[in-house]
Amino acid sequence: MTETLIKYPNGGRIEAYQMVDPYCNMLSRGVKQSDKIVVEETGVWRQSARRVIHNRIHREKQNITEVYIRTDSGLETIYKK
């Protein structure tokens, strides 16, 4: 969980907590660049990663052909069309 501090122009401050999923963020940036994506290891469960990819392909109609996660031991294939 990432803490985000929002500052308002009138000088008031409100603290907000925002869940940021780095895996989804990396996937979003990767899709803009290529249909073959390599993301860093974020500790996301592999099944969750596959579900996100499936939703992006079938619901959002994104063109994704391959997704790899970079681990200490090399690249791990998560999805391949």
Protein backbone atom coordinates (compact mmCIF):
# COMPACT_ATOMS: atom_id res chain seq x y z
CA MET A 1 0.00 0.00 0.00
CA THR A 2 1.34 3.40 -0.97
CA GLU A 3 0.50 6.47 1.09
CA THR A 4 -0.45 9.54 -0.90
CA LEU A 5 -0.58 12.98 0.69
CA ILE A 6 -2.94 15.37 -1.07
CA LYS A 7 -2.32 19.12 -0.67
CA TYR A 8 -5.07 21.57 -1.43
CA PRO A 9 -4.51 25.17 -2.65
CA ASN A 10 -6.22 26.64 0.43
CA GLY A 11 -3.51 25.20 2.68
CA GLY A 12 -5.68 22.39 4.07
CA ARG A 13 -4.24 18.90 4.06
CA ILE A 14 -6.01 15.56 3.80
CA GLU A 15 -4.23 12.22 4.04
CA ALA A 16 -5.43 9.57 1.62
CA TYR A 17 -4.35 5.97 1.31
CA GLN A 18 -4.32 4.57 -2.17
CA MET A 19 -3.66 1.01 -3.24
CA VAL A 20 -1.25 1.08 -6.16
CA ASP A 21 -0.66 -2.14 -8.00
CA PRO A 22 2.80 -1.86 -9.58
CA TYR A 23 2.17 -4.92 -11.77
CA CYS A 24 -0.84 -3.29 -13.45
CA ASN A 25 1.06 -0.03 -13.84
CA MET A 26 3.99 -1.78 -15.53
CA LEU A 27 1.59 -3.71 -17.76
CA SER A 28 -0.17 -0.49 -18.79
CA ARG A 29 3.10 1.18 -19.70
CA GLY A 30 4.29 -1.94 -21.54
CA VAL A 31 1.15 -2.22 -23.68
CA LYS A 32 1.73 1.32 -24.93
CA GLN A 33 5.19 0.27 -26.21
CA SER A 34 4.82 -3.28 -27.53
CA ASP A 35 2.67 -6.41 -27.61
CA LYS A 36 5.52 -8.36 -25.96
CA ILE A 37 5.94 -7.19 -22.35
CA VAL A 38 8.56 -7.80 -19.67
CA VAL A 39 7.65 -6.69 -16.13
CA GLU A 40 9.66 -6.73 -12.92
CA GLU A 41 8.96 -9.17 -10.09
CA THR A 42 6.43 -7.50 -7.79
CA GLY A 43 5.33 -10.43 -5.66
CA VAL A 44 2.02 -10.70 -7.49
CA TRP A 45 0.53 -14.21 -7.63
CA ARG A 46 0.94 -15.78 -11.04
CA GLN A 47 -2.76 -16.66 -11.24
CA SER A 48 -3.69 -13.03 -10.51
CA ALA A 49 -1.25 -11.90 -13.20
CA ARG A 50 -2.84 -14.27 -15.74
CA ARG A 51 -6.33 -13.05 -14.81
CA VAL A 52 -5.31 -9.41 -15.35
CA ILE A 53 -3.83 -10.28 -18.74
CA HIS A 54 -6.92 -12.29 -19.73
CA ASN A 55 -9.21 -9.37 -18.80
CA ARG A 56 -7.10 -6.92 -20.76
CA ILE A 57 -7.15 -9.12 -23.87
CA HIS A 58 -10.82 -10.14 -23.83
CA ARG A 59 -12.58 -7.22 -22.14
CA GLU A 60 -10.41 -4.23 -23.02
CA LYS A 61 -9.36 -5.65 -26.44
CA GLN A 62 -5.67 -4.92 -25.87
CA ASN A 63 -3.15 -6.56 -28.18
CA ILE A 64 -0.90 -8.67 -25.91
CA THR A 65 1.00 -11.66 -27.33
CA GLU A 66 3.62 -12.41 -24.65
CA VAL A 67 4.22 -11.42 -21.03
CA TYR A 68 7.32 -12.29 -18.99
CA ILE A 69 8.25 -11.55 -15.39
CA ARG A 70 11.91 -10.78 -14.74
CA THR A 71 13.09 -12.74 -11.70
CA ASP A 72 16.52 -13.25 -10.12
CA SER A 73 16.95 -16.47 -12.09
CA GLY A 74 15.90 -15.01 -15.47
CA LEU A 75 12.65 -14.51 -17.36
CA GLU A 76 9.52 -16.46 -16.43
CA THR A 77 6.79 -16.83 -19.05
CA ILE A 78 3.39 -15.78 -17.72
CA TYR A 79 1.43 -15.63 -20.96
CA LYS A 80 2.15 -16.62 -24.54
CA LYS A 81 -0.45 -16.49 -27.30
